[in-house]
Amino acid sequence: ATGNAIQREKNGSGKASATQAMFYVRIIVSLSVLVGVTWLLGVLVTFVDHVTLHYLFSVTNSLQGCAVFYFYTLTAQEVRQALRKNATMQSVAKTFMPSTSGFGFGTSSS
């Protein structure tokens, strides 16, 4: 997927590449801030033993994984297109597939 995005950037106009570059700059800055805050809290916790700082460190540390997942998967255009396609296919399948709710099975219609 990454190779395809790079190939499109090479073939596309300079404006698309600039837009893509700004997108990646925003991701890098956002993750850097989150990681930086976590590191600062981690260092601060070693000097100031306060339970609130421990909780803040734990929360920011756990949010790093969520942020990486969000920025590198959910913001990727290919992933969003695949999710939309999957949602569309599921709604079509629900329309044409019989209900499996259990109603109507084993009952007589007389």
PDB file of N, CA and C in Angstrom:
ATOM      1  N   ALA A   1       0.814  -1.186   0.000  1.00  0.00           N
ATOM      2  CA  ALA A   1       0.000   0.000   0.000  1.00  0.00           C
ATOM      3  C   ALA A   1       0.864   1.258   0.000  1.00  0.00           C
ATOM      4  N   THR A   2       1.958   1.234   0.752  1.00  0.00           N
ATOM      5  CA  THR A   2       2.822   2.408   0.810  1.00  0.00           C
ATOM      6  C   THR A   2       3.495   2.630  -0.533  1.00  0.00           C
ATOM      7  N   GLY A   3       3.898   1.556  -1.192  1.00  0.00           N
ATOM      8  CA  GLY A   3       4.523   1.682  -2.506  1.00  0.00           C
ATOM      9  C   GLY A   3       3.578   2.293  -3.515  1.00  0.00           C
ATOM     10  N   ASN A   4       2.300   1.931  -3.440  1.00  0.00           N
ATOM     11  CA  ASN A   4       1.301   2.504  -4.349  1.00  0.00           C
ATOM     12  C   ASN A   4       1.149   3.997  -4.104  1.00  0.00           C
ATOM     13  N   ALA A   5       1.147   4.420  -2.837  1.00  0.00           N
ATOM     14  CA  ALA A   5       1.005   5.841  -2.520  1.00  0.00           C
ATOM     15  C   ALA A   5       2.211   6.619  -3.028  1.00  0.00           C
ATOM     16  N   ILE A   6       3.400   6.054  -2.886  1.00  0.00           N
ATOM     17  CA  ILE A   6       4.605   6.722  -3.382  1.00  0.00           C
ATOM     18  C   ILE A   6       4.565   6.815  -4.897  1.00  0.00           C
ATOM     19  N   GLN A   7       4.138   5.755  -5.564  1.00  0.00           N
ATOM     20  CA  GLN A   7       4.057   5.767  -7.024  1.00  0.00           C
ATOM     21  C   GLN A   7       3.059   6.816  -7.497  1.00  0.00           C
ATOM     22  N   ARG A   8       1.907   6.961  -6.806  1.00  0.00           N
ATOM     23  CA  ARG A   8       0.934   7.971  -7.192  1.00  0.00           C
ATOM     24  C   ARG A   8       1.502   9.367  -7.008  1.00  0.00           C
ATOM     25  N   GLU A   9       2.302   9.552  -5.944  1.00  0.00           N
ATOM     26  CA  GLU A   9       2.896  10.870  -5.714  1.00  0.00           C
ATOM     27  C   GLU A   9       3.861  11.225  -6.836  1.00  0.00           C
ATOM     28  N   LYS A  10       4.608  10.254  -7.322  1.00  0.00           N
ATOM     29  CA  LYS A  10       5.554  10.513  -8.402  1.00  0.00           C
ATOM     30  C   LYS A  10       4.828  10.840  -9.700  1.00  0.00           C
ATOM     31  N   ASN A  11       3.711  10.177  -9.925  1.00  0.00           N
ATOM     32  CA  ASN A  11       2.966  10.386 -11.159  1.00  0.00           C
ATOM     33  C   ASN A  11       2.044  11.592 -11.100  1.00  0.00           C
ATOM     34  N   GLY A  12       1.663  12.021  -9.905  1.00  0.00           N
ATOM     35  CA  GLY A  12       0.701  13.103  -9.741  1.00  0.00           C
ATOM     36  C   GLY A  12       1.348  14.464  -9.866  1.00  0.00           C
ATOM     37  N   SER A  13       0.539  15.459  -9.652  1.00  0.00           N
ATOM     38  CA  SER A  13       1.022  16.832  -9.732  1.00  0.00           C
ATOM     39  C   SER A  13       1.761  17.210  -8.461  1.00  0.00           C
ATOM     40  N   GLY A  14       2.450  18.339  -8.477  1.00  0.00           N
ATOM     41  CA  GLY A  14       3.171  18.820  -7.312  1.00  0.00           C
ATOM     42  C   GLY A  14       2.240  19.199  -6.189  1.00  0.00           C
ATOM     43  N   LYS A  15       1.027  19.639  -6.521  1.00  0.00           N
ATOM     44  CA  LYS A  15       0.066  20.031  -5.495  1.00  0.00           C
ATOM     45  C   LYS A  15      -0.364  18.832  -4.662  1.00  0.00           C
ATOM     46  N   ALA A  16      -0.594  17.702  -5.305  1.00  0.00           N
ATOM     47  CA  ALA A  16      -0.971  16.493  -4.565  1.00  0.00           C
ATOM     48  C   ALA A  16       0.159  16.076  -3.638  1.00  0.00           C
ATOM     49  N   SER A  17       1.394  16.198  -4.075  1.00  0.00           N
ATOM     50  CA  SER A  17       2.527  15.829  -3.242  1.00  0.00           C
ATOM     51  C   SER A  17       2.651  16.783  -2.061  1.00  0.00           C
ATOM     52  N   ALA A  18       2.398  18.061  -2.274  1.00  0.00           N
ATOM     53  CA  ALA A  18       2.462  19.031  -1.181  1.00  0.00           C
ATOM     54  C   ALA A  18       1.358  18.756  -0.171  1.00  0.00           C
ATOM     55  N   THR A  19       0.179  18.411  -0.628  1.00  0.00           N
ATOM     56  CA  THR A  19      -0.926  18.081   0.264  1.00  0.00           C
ATOM     57  C   THR A  19      -0.592  16.834   1.066  1.00  0.00           C
ATOM     58  N   GLN A  20      -0.031  15.845   0.396  1.00  0.00           N
ATOM     59  CA  GLN A  20       0.362  14.611   1.072  1.00  0.00           C
ATOM     60  C   GLN A  20       1.454  14.884   2.099  1.00  0.00           C
ATOM     61  N   ALA A  21       2.400  15.751   1.742  1.00  0.00           N
ATOM     62  CA  ALA A  21       3.487  16.086   2.663  1.00  0.00           C
ATOM     63  C   ALA A  21       2.938  16.787   3.900  1.00  0.00           C
ATOM     64  N   MET A  22       2.002  17.696   3.723  1.00  0.00           N
ATOM     65  CA  MET A  22       1.400  18.383   4.867  1.00  0.00           C
ATOM     66  C   MET A  22       0.640  17.408   5.765  1.00  0.00           C
ATOM     67  N   PHE A  23       0.001  16.428   5.152  1.00  0.00           N
ATOM     68  CA  PHE A  23      -0.706  15.391   5.903  1.00  0.00           C
ATOM     69  C   PHE A  23       0.274  14.642   6.807  1.00  0.00           C
ATOM     70  N   TYR A  24       1.408  14.243   6.240  1.00  0.00           N
ATOM     71  CA  TYR A  24       2.405  13.516   7.025  1.00  0.00           C
ATOM     72  C   TYR A  24       3.059  14.414   8.077  1.00  0.00           C
ATOM     73  N   VAL A  25       3.233  15.691   7.781  1.00  0.00           N
ATOM     74  CA  VAL A  25       3.798  16.616   8.766  1.00  0.00           C
ATOM     75  C   VAL A  25       2.852  16.731   9.960  1.00  0.00           C
ATOM     76  N   ARG A  26       1.544  16.823   9.709  1.00  0.00           N
ATOM     77  CA  ARG A  26       0.581  16.889  10.809  1.00  0.00           C
ATOM     78  C   ARG A  26       0.622  15.626  11.667  1.00  0.00           C
ATOM     79  N   ILE A  27       0.740  14.469  11.028  1.00  0.00           N
ATOM     80  CA  ILE A  27       0.832  13.209  11.764  1.00  0.00           C
ATOM     81  C   ILE A  27       2.080  13.198  12.634  1.00  0.00           C
ATOM     82  N   ILE A  28       3.214  13.585  12.044  1.00  0.00           N
ATOM     83  CA  ILE A  28       4.476  13.556  12.776  1.00  0.00           C
ATOM     84  C   ILE A  28       4.444  14.519  13.952  1.00  0.00           C
ATOM     85  N   VAL A  29       3.919  15.708  13.746  1.00  0.00           N
ATOM     86  CA  VAL A  29       3.850  16.695  14.836  1.00  0.00           C
ATOM     87  C   VAL A  29       2.921  16.199  15.940  1.00  0.00           C
ATOM     88  N   SER A  30       1.775  15.657  15.573  1.00  0.00           N
ATOM     89  CA  SER A  30       0.824  15.172  16.578  1.00  0.00           C
ATOM     90  C   SER A  30       1.419  14.044  17.410  1.00  0.00           C
ATOM     91  N   LEU A  31       2.044  13.084  16.739  1.00  0.00           N
ATOM     92  CA  LEU A  31       2.638  11.978  17.479  1.00  0.00           C
ATOM     93  C   LEU A  31       3.839  12.428  18.298  1.00  0.00           C
ATOM     94  N   SER A  32       4.603  13.375  17.788  1.00  0.00           N
ATOM     95  CA  SER A  32       5.751  13.888  18.537  1.00  0.00           C
ATOM     96  C   SER A  32       5.308  14.582  19.819  1.00  0.00           C
ATOM     97  N   VAL A  33       4.237  15.349  19.732  1.00  0.00           N
ATOM     98  CA  VAL A  33       3.716  16.017  20.922  1.00  0.00           C
ATOM     99  C   VAL A  33       3.248  14.981  21.940  1.00  0.00           C
ATOM    100  N   LEU A  34       2.516  13.976  21.481  1.00  0.00           N
ATOM    101  CA  LEU A  34       2.017  12.956  22.393  1.00  0.00           C
ATOM    102  C   LEU A  34       3.166  12.189  23.044  1.00  0.00           C
ATOM    103  N   VAL A  35       4.149  11.795  22.253  1.00  0.00           N
ATOM    104  CA  VAL A  35       5.294  11.061  22.798  1.00  0.00           C
ATOM    105  C   VAL A  35       6.109  11.967  23.711  1.00  0.00           C
ATOM    106  N   GLY A  36       6.280  13.220  23.319  1.00  0.00           N
ATOM    107  CA  GLY A  36       7.036  14.167  24.145  1.00  0.00           C
ATOM    108  C   GLY A  36       6.393  14.398  25.492  1.00  0.00           C
ATOM    109  N   VAL A  37       5.078  14.568  25.507  1.00  0.00           N
ATOM    110  CA  VAL A  37       4.362  14.763  26.767  1.00  0.00           C
ATOM    111  C   VAL A  37       4.514  13.526  27.644  1.00  0.00           C
ATOM    112  N   THR A  38       4.439  12.355  27.034  1.00  0.00           N
ATOM    113  CA  THR A  38       4.591  11.121  27.805  1.00  0.00           C
ATOM    114  C   THR A  38       5.983  11.033  28.422  1.00  0.00           C
ATOM    115  N   TRP A  39       7.009  11.340  27.633  1.00  0.00           N
ATOM    116  CA  TRP A  39       8.373  11.307  28.157  1.00  0.00           C
ATOM    117  C   TRP A  39       8.559  12.328  29.272  1.00  0.00           C
ATOM    118  N   LEU A  40       8.028  13.530  29.091  1.00  0.00           N
ATOM    119  CA  LEU A  40       8.146  14.541  30.139  1.00  0.00           C
ATOM    120  C   LEU A  40       7.462  14.089  31.429  1.00  0.00           C
ATOM    121  N   LEU A  41       6.275  13.515  31.291  1.00  0.00           N
ATOM    122  CA  LEU A  41       5.589  13.005  32.473  1.00  0.00           C
ATOM    123  C   LEU A  41       6.370  11.860  33.117  1.00  0.00           C
ATOM    124  N   GLY A  42       6.966  10.991  32.295  1.00  0.00           N
ATOM    125  CA  GLY A  42       7.759   9.887  32.827  1.00  0.00           C
ATOM    126  C   GLY A  42       8.957  10.373  33.622  1.00  0.00           C
ATOM    127  N   VAL A  43       9.635  11.386  33.115  1.00  0.00           N
ATOM    128  CA  VAL A  43      10.770  11.951  33.838  1.00  0.00           C
ATOM    129  C   VAL A  43      10.296  12.656  35.098  1.00  0.00           C
ATOM    130  N   LEU A  44       9.209  13.395  34.985  1.00  0.00           N
ATOM    131  CA  LEU A  44       8.682  14.137  36.130  1.00  0.00           C
ATOM    132  C   LEU A  44       8.236  13.199  37.248  1.00  0.00           C
ATOM    133  N   VAL A  45       7.663  12.057  36.877  1.00  0.00           N
ATOM    134  CA  VAL A  45       7.189  11.085  37.863  1.00  0.00           C
ATOM    135  C   VAL A  45       8.352  10.547  38.698  1.00  0.00           C
ATOM    136  N   THR A  46       9.541  10.440  38.107  1.00  0.00           N
ATOM    137  CA  THR A  46      10.672   9.916  38.874  1.00  0.00           C
ATOM    138  C   THR A  46      11.126  10.896  39.948  1.00  0.00           C
ATOM    139  N   PHE A  47      10.885  12.186  39.743  1.00  0.00           N
ATOM    140  CA  PHE A  47      11.313  13.186  40.723  1.00  0.00           C
ATOM    141  C   PHE A  47      10.195  13.606  41.676  1.00  0.00           C
ATOM    142  N   VAL A  48       8.982  13.653  41.181  1.00  0.00           N
ATOM    143  CA  VAL A  48       7.834  14.069  41.999  1.00  0.00           C
ATOM    144  C   VAL A  48       6.906  12.862  42.112  1.00  0.00           C
ATOM    145  N   ASP A  49       6.842  12.298  43.281  1.00  0.00           N
ATOM    146  CA  ASP A  49       6.029  11.095  43.478  1.00  0.00           C
ATOM    147  C   ASP A  49       4.606  11.502  43.864  1.00  0.00           C
ATOM    148  N   HIS A  50       3.815  11.796  42.830  1.00  0.00           N
ATOM    149  CA  HIS A  50       2.427  12.191  43.047  1.00  0.00           C
ATOM    150  C   HIS A  50       1.543  11.262  42.222  1.00  0.00           C
ATOM    151  N   VAL A  51       0.492  10.751  42.824  1.00  0.00           N
ATOM    152  CA  VAL A  51      -0.346   9.752  42.171  1.00  0.00           C
ATOM    153  C   VAL A  51      -1.001  10.295  40.896  1.00  0.00           C
ATOM    154  N   THR A  52      -1.335  11.573  40.861  1.00  0.00           N
ATOM    155  CA  THR A  52      -1.957  12.164  39.667  1.00  0.00           C
ATOM    156  C   THR A  52      -1.015  12.093  38.478  1.00  0.00           C
ATOM    157  N   LEU A  53       0.263  12.338  38.721  1.00  0.00           N
ATOM    158  CA  LEU A  53       1.239  12.251  37.619  1.00  0.00           C
ATOM    159  C   LEU A  53       1.367  10.823  37.113  1.00  0.00           C
ATOM    160  N   HIS A  54       1.270   9.856  38.019  1.00  0.00           N
ATOM    161  CA  HIS A  54       1.316   8.451  37.606  1.00  0.00           C
ATOM    162  C   HIS A  54       0.134   8.125  36.691  1.00  0.00           C
ATOM    163  N   TYR A  55      -1.040   8.606  37.062  1.00  0.00           N
ATOM    164  CA  TYR A  55      -2.224   8.373  36.230  1.00  0.00           C
ATOM    165  C   TYR A  55      -2.102   9.077  34.880  1.00  0.00           C
ATOM    166  N   LEU A  56      -1.648  10.323  34.871  1.00  0.00           N
ATOM    167  CA  LEU A  56      -1.469  11.046  33.606  1.00  0.00           C
ATOM    168  C   LEU A  56      -0.461  10.343  32.710  1.00  0.00           C
ATOM    169  N   PHE A  57       0.632   9.865  33.308  1.00  0.00           N
ATOM    170  CA  PHE A  57       1.631   9.125  32.526  1.00  0.00           C
ATOM    171  C   PHE A  57       1.025   7.860  31.933  1.00  0.00           C
ATOM    172  N   SER A  58       0.266   7.133  32.730  1.00  0.00           N
ATOM    173  CA  SER A  58      -0.359   5.894  32.240  1.00  0.00           C
ATOM    174  C   SER A  58      -1.344   6.165  31.110  1.00  0.00           C
ATOM    175  N   VAL A  59      -2.139   7.214  31.261  1.00  0.00           N
ATOM    176  CA  VAL A  59      -3.132   7.537  30.229  1.00  0.00           C
ATOM    177  C   VAL A  59      -2.446   7.972  28.940  1.00  0.00           C
ATOM    178  N   THR A  60      -1.475   8.871  29.036  1.00  0.00           N
ATOM    179  CA  THR A  60      -0.797   9.323  27.807  1.00  0.00           C
ATOM    180  C   THR A  60       0.000   8.201  27.171  1.00  0.00           C
ATOM    181  N   ASN A  61       0.569   7.332  27.983  1.00  0.00           N
ATOM    182  CA  ASN A  61       1.325   6.217  27.439  1.00  0.00           C
ATOM    183  C   ASN A  61       0.405   5.252  26.694  1.00  0.00           C
ATOM    184  N   SER A  62      -0.773   4.993  27.234  1.00  0.00           N
ATOM    185  CA  SER A  62      -1.703   4.098  26.555  1.00  0.00           C
ATOM    186  C   SER A  62      -2.324   4.753  25.324  1.00  0.00           C
ATOM    187  N   LEU A  63      -2.452   6.072  25.326  1.00  0.00           N
ATOM    188  CA  LEU A  63      -3.002   6.754  24.154  1.00  0.00           C
ATOM    189  C   LEU A  63      -2.054   6.740  22.958  1.00  0.00           C
ATOM    190  N   GLN A  64      -0.782   6.482  23.200  1.00  0.00           N
ATOM    191  CA  GLN A  64       0.168   6.431  22.090  1.00  0.00           C
ATOM    192  C   GLN A  64      -0.226   5.354  21.090  1.00  0.00           C
ATOM    193  N   GLY A  65      -0.572   4.195  21.582  1.00  0.00           N
ATOM    194  CA  GLY A  65      -0.973   3.107  20.685  1.00  0.00           C
ATOM    195  C   GLY A  65      -2.236   3.450  19.915  1.00  0.00           C
ATOM    196  N   CYS A  66      -3.194   4.053  20.590  1.00  0.00           N
ATOM    197  CA  CYS A  66      -4.431   4.468  19.915  1.00  0.00           C
ATOM    198  C   CYS A  66      -4.149   5.530  18.864  1.00  0.00           C
ATOM    199  N   ALA A  67      -3.250   6.457  19.181  1.00  0.00           N
ATOM    200  CA  ALA A  67      -2.921   7.521  18.236  1.00  0.00           C
ATOM    201  C   ALA A  67      -2.212   6.964  17.013  1.00  0.00           C
ATOM    202  N   VAL A  68      -1.294   6.043  17.209  1.00  0.00           N
ATOM    203  CA  VAL A  68      -0.603   5.425  16.070  1.00  0.00           C
ATOM    204  C   VAL A  68      -1.614   4.676  15.196  1.00  0.00           C
ATOM    205  N   PHE A  69      -2.500   3.928  15.823  1.00  0.00           N
ATOM    206  CA  PHE A  69      -3.532   3.219  15.067  1.00  0.00           C
ATOM    207  C   PHE A  69      -4.396   4.192  14.268  1.00  0.00           C
ATOM    208  N   TYR A  70      -4.838   5.262  14.914  1.00  0.00           N
ATOM    209  CA  TYR A  70      -5.690   6.240  14.240  1.00  0.00           C
ATOM    210  C   TYR A  70      -4.956   6.908  13.083  1.00  0.00           C
ATOM    211  N   PHE A  71      -3.764   7.435  13.345  1.00  0.00           N
ATOM    212  CA  PHE A  71      -3.069   8.214  12.333  1.00  0.00           C
ATOM    213  C   PHE A  71      -2.579   7.372  11.162  1.00  0.00           C
ATOM    214  N   TYR A  72      -2.175   6.138  11.405  1.00  0.00           N
ATOM    215  CA  TYR A  72      -1.603   5.349  10.326  1.00  0.00           C
ATOM    216  C   TYR A  72      -2.566   4.369   9.686  1.00  0.00           C
ATOM    217  N   THR A  73      -3.730   4.167  10.263  1.00  0.00           N
ATOM    218  CA  THR A  73      -4.692   3.277   9.610  1.00  0.00           C
ATOM    219  C   THR A  73      -5.975   3.993   9.247  1.00  0.00           C
ATOM    220  N   LEU A  74      -6.633   4.589  10.211  1.00  0.00           N
ATOM    221  CA  LEU A  74      -7.949   5.175   9.951  1.00  0.00           C
ATOM    222  C   LEU A  74      -7.884   6.441   9.105  1.00  0.00           C
ATOM    223  N   THR A  75      -6.738   7.127   9.088  1.00  0.00           N
ATOM    224  CA  THR A  75      -6.628   8.306   8.241  1.00  0.00           C
ATOM    225  C   THR A  75      -6.106   7.977   6.848  1.00  0.00           C
ATOM    226  N   ALA A  76      -5.673   6.749   6.620  1.00  0.00           N
ATOM    227  CA  ALA A  76      -5.192   6.348   5.301  1.00  0.00           C
ATOM    228  C   ALA A  76      -6.378   6.204   4.344  1.00  0.00           C
ATOM    229  N   GLN A  77      -6.240   6.771   3.185  1.00  0.00           N
ATOM    230  CA  GLN A  77      -7.349   6.777   2.228  1.00  0.00           C
ATOM    231  C   GLN A  77      -7.711   5.363   1.780  1.00  0.00           C
ATOM    232  N   GLU A  78      -6.718   4.511   1.592  1.00  0.00           N
ATOM    233  CA  GLU A  78      -7.003   3.135   1.158  1.00  0.00           C
ATOM    234  C   GLU A  78      -7.825   2.380   2.204  1.00  0.00           C
ATOM    235  N   VAL A  79      -7.506   2.597   3.467  1.00  0.00           N
ATOM    236  CA  VAL A  79      -8.226   1.921   4.546  1.00  0.00           C
ATOM    237  C   VAL A  79      -9.662   2.419   4.611  1.00  0.00           C
ATOM    238  N   ARG A  80      -9.853   3.732   4.511  1.00  0.00           N
ATOM    239  CA  ARG A  80     -11.221   4.273   4.551  1.00  0.00           C
ATOM    240  C   ARG A  80     -12.049   3.753   3.384  1.00  0.00           C
ATOM    241  N   GLN A  81     -11.444   3.654   2.203  1.00  0.00           N
ATOM    242  CA  GLN A  81     -12.171   3.128   1.048  1.00  0.00           C
ATOM    243  C   GLN A  81     -12.541   1.665   1.262  1.00  0.00           C
ATOM    244  N   ALA A  82     -11.622   0.891   1.828  1.00  0.00           N
ATOM    245  CA  ALA A  82     -11.910  -0.521   2.090  1.00  0.00           C
ATOM    246  C   ALA A  82     -13.009  -0.666   3.134  1.00  0.00           C
ATOM    247  N   LEU A  83     -12.988   0.181   4.160  1.00  0.00           N
ATOM    248  CA  LEU A  83     -14.041   0.127   5.176  1.00  0.00           C
ATOM    249  C   LEU A  83     -15.401   0.498   4.590  1.00  0.00           C
ATOM    250  N   ARG A  84     -15.419   1.517   3.728  1.00  0.00           N
ATOM    251  CA  ARG A  84     -16.685   1.895   3.074  1.00  0.00           C
ATOM    252  C   ARG A  84     -17.194   0.761   2.190  1.00  0.00           C
ATOM    253  N   LYS A  85     -16.282   0.137   1.442  1.00  0.00           N
ATOM    254  CA  LYS A  85     -16.661  -0.961   0.550  1.00  0.00           C
ATOM    255  C   LYS A  85     -17.202  -2.129   1.362  1.00  0.00           C
ATOM    256  N   ASN A  86     -16.555  -2.441   2.478  1.00  0.00           N
ATOM    257  CA  ASN A  86     -16.996  -3.529   3.337  1.00  0.00           C
ATOM    258  C   ASN A  86     -18.359  -3.218   3.938  1.00  0.00           C
ATOM    259  N   ALA A  87     -18.576  -1.983   4.381  1.00  0.00           N
ATOM    260  CA  ALA A  87     -19.869  -1.598   4.952  1.00  0.00           C
ATOM    261  C   ALA A  87     -20.964  -1.681   3.897  1.00  0.00           C
ATOM    262  N   THR A  88     -20.651  -1.258   2.683  1.00  0.00           N
ATOM    263  CA  THR A  88     -21.625  -1.339   1.590  1.00  0.00           C
ATOM    264  C   THR A  88     -21.958  -2.785   1.274  1.00  0.00           C
ATOM    265  N   MET A  89     -20.943  -3.645   1.237  1.00  0.00           N
ATOM    266  CA  MET A  89     -21.178  -5.054   0.938  1.00  0.00           C
ATOM    267  C   MET A  89     -22.016  -5.707   2.027  1.00  0.00           C
ATOM    268  N   GLN A  90     -21.796  -5.329   3.284  1.00  0.00           N
ATOM    269  CA  GLN A  90     -22.584  -5.899   4.376  1.00  0.00           C
ATOM    270  C   GLN A  90     -24.033  -5.442   4.299  1.00  0.00           C
ATOM    271  N   SER A  91     -24.267  -4.185   3.931  1.00  0.00           N
ATOM    272  CA  SER A  91     -25.652  -3.717   3.836  1.00  0.00           C
ATOM    273  C   SER A  91     -26.366  -4.388   2.665  1.00  0.00           C
ATOM    274  N   VAL A  92     -25.651  -4.638   1.581  1.00  0.00           N
ATOM    275  CA  VAL A  92     -26.244  -5.350   0.435  1.00  0.00           C
ATOM    276  C   VAL A  92     -26.541  -6.791   0.831  1.00  0.00           C
ATOM    277  N   ALA A  93     -25.622  -7.415   1.555  1.00  0.00           N
ATOM    278  CA  ALA A  93     -25.834  -8.796   1.981  1.00  0.00           C
ATOM    279  C   ALA A  93     -27.037  -8.901   2.911  1.00  0.00           C
ATOM    280  N   LYS A  94     -27.227  -7.927   3.795  1.00  0.00           N
ATOM    281  CA  LYS A  94     -28.379  -7.950   4.692  1.00  0.00           C
ATOM    282  C   LYS A  94     -29.682  -7.787   3.924  1.00  0.00           C
ATOM    283  N   THR A  95     -29.622  -7.034   2.828  1.00  0.00           N
ATOM    284  CA  THR A  95     -30.822  -6.808   2.033  1.00  0.00           C
ATOM    285  C   THR A  95     -31.261  -8.078   1.324  1.00  0.00           C
ATOM    286  N   PHE A  96     -30.300  -8.837   0.781  1.00  0.00           N
ATOM    287  CA  PHE A  96     -30.646  -9.982  -0.048  1.00  0.00           C
ATOM    288  C   PHE A  96     -30.601 -11.321   0.684  1.00  0.00           C
ATOM    289  N   MET A  97     -30.032 -11.362   1.876  1.00  0.00           N
ATOM    290  CA  MET A  97     -29.957 -12.612   2.621  1.00  0.00           C
ATOM    291  C   MET A  97     -31.183 -12.738   3.508  1.00  0.00           C
ATOM    292  N   PRO A  98     -31.683 -13.960   3.698  1.00  0.00           N
ATOM    293  CA  PRO A  98     -32.837 -14.132   4.586  1.00  0.00           C
ATOM    294  C   PRO A  98     -32.432 -13.857   6.028  1.00  0.00           C
ATOM    295  N   SER A  99     -33.396 -13.458   6.810  1.00  0.00           N
ATOM    296  CA  SER A  99     -33.151 -13.153   8.214  1.00  0.00           C
ATOM    297  C   SER A  99     -32.803 -14.416   8.975  1.00  0.00           C
ATOM    298  N   THR A 100     -31.834 -14.296   9.873  1.00  0.00           N
ATOM    299  CA  THR A 100     -31.445 -15.444  10.698  1.00  0.00           C
ATOM    300  C   THR A 100     -31.837 -15.198  12.154  1.00  0.00           C
ATOM    301  N   SER A 101     -32.887 -14.421  12.336  1.00  0.00           N
ATOM    302  CA  SER A 101     -33.315 -14.074  13.701  1.00  0.00           C
ATOM    303  C   SER A 101     -34.005 -15.229  14.402  1.00  0.00           C
ATOM    304  N   GLY A 102     -34.390 -16.272  13.680  1.00  0.00           N
ATOM    305  CA  GLY A 102     -35.026 -17.410  14.302  1.00  0.00           C
ATOM    306  C   GLY A 102     -36.536 -17.390  14.161  1.00  0.00           C
ATOM    307  N   PHE A 103     -37.111 -16.300  13.752  1.00  0.00           N
ATOM    308  CA  PHE A 103     -38.552 -16.241  13.586  1.00  0.00           C
ATOM    309  C   PHE A 103     -38.939 -16.967  12.309  1.00  0.00           C
ATOM    310  N   GLY A 104     -39.958 -17.773  12.412  1.00  0.00           N
ATOM    311  CA  GLY A 104     -40.464 -18.454  11.230  1.00  0.00           C
ATOM    312  C   GLY A 104     -39.865 -19.835  11.015  1.00  0.00           C
ATOM    313  N   PHE A 105     -38.856 -20.215  11.779  1.00  0.00           N
ATOM    314  CA  PHE A 105     -38.262 -21.529  11.622  1.00  0.00           C
ATOM    315  C   PHE A 105     -38.980 -22.519  12.533  1.00  0.00           C
ATOM    316  N   GLY A 106     -39.357 -23.624  11.978  1.00  0.00           N
ATOM    317  CA  GLY A 106     -39.984 -24.680  12.767  1.00  0.00           C
ATOM    318  C   GLY A 106     -41.446 -24.422  13.071  1.00  0.00           C
ATOM    319  N   THR A 107     -42.043 -23.442  12.473  1.00  0.00           N
ATOM    320  CA  THR A 107     -43.466 -23.197  12.691  1.00  0.00           C
ATOM    321  C   THR A 107     -44.207 -23.566  11.424  1.00  0.00           C
ATOM    322  N   SER A 108     -45.420 -23.981  11.592  1.00  0.00           N
ATOM    323  CA  SER A 108     -46.219 -24.310  10.416  1.00  0.00           C
ATOM    324  C   SER A 108     -46.993 -23.079   9.991  1.00  0.00           C
ATOM    325  N   SER A 109     -47.209 -22.971   8.707  1.00  0.00           N
ATOM    326  CA  SER A 109     -47.905 -21.811   8.187  1.00  0.00           C
ATOM    327  C   SER A 109     -49.377 -22.107   7.913  1.00  0.00           C
ATOM    328  N   SER A 110     -49.923 -23.202   8.449  1.00  0.00           N
ATOM    329  CA  SER A 110     -51.336 -23.525   8.183  1.00  0.00           C
ATOM    330  C   SER A 110     -52.294 -22.932   9.124  1.00  0.00           C
TER     331      SER A 110
END
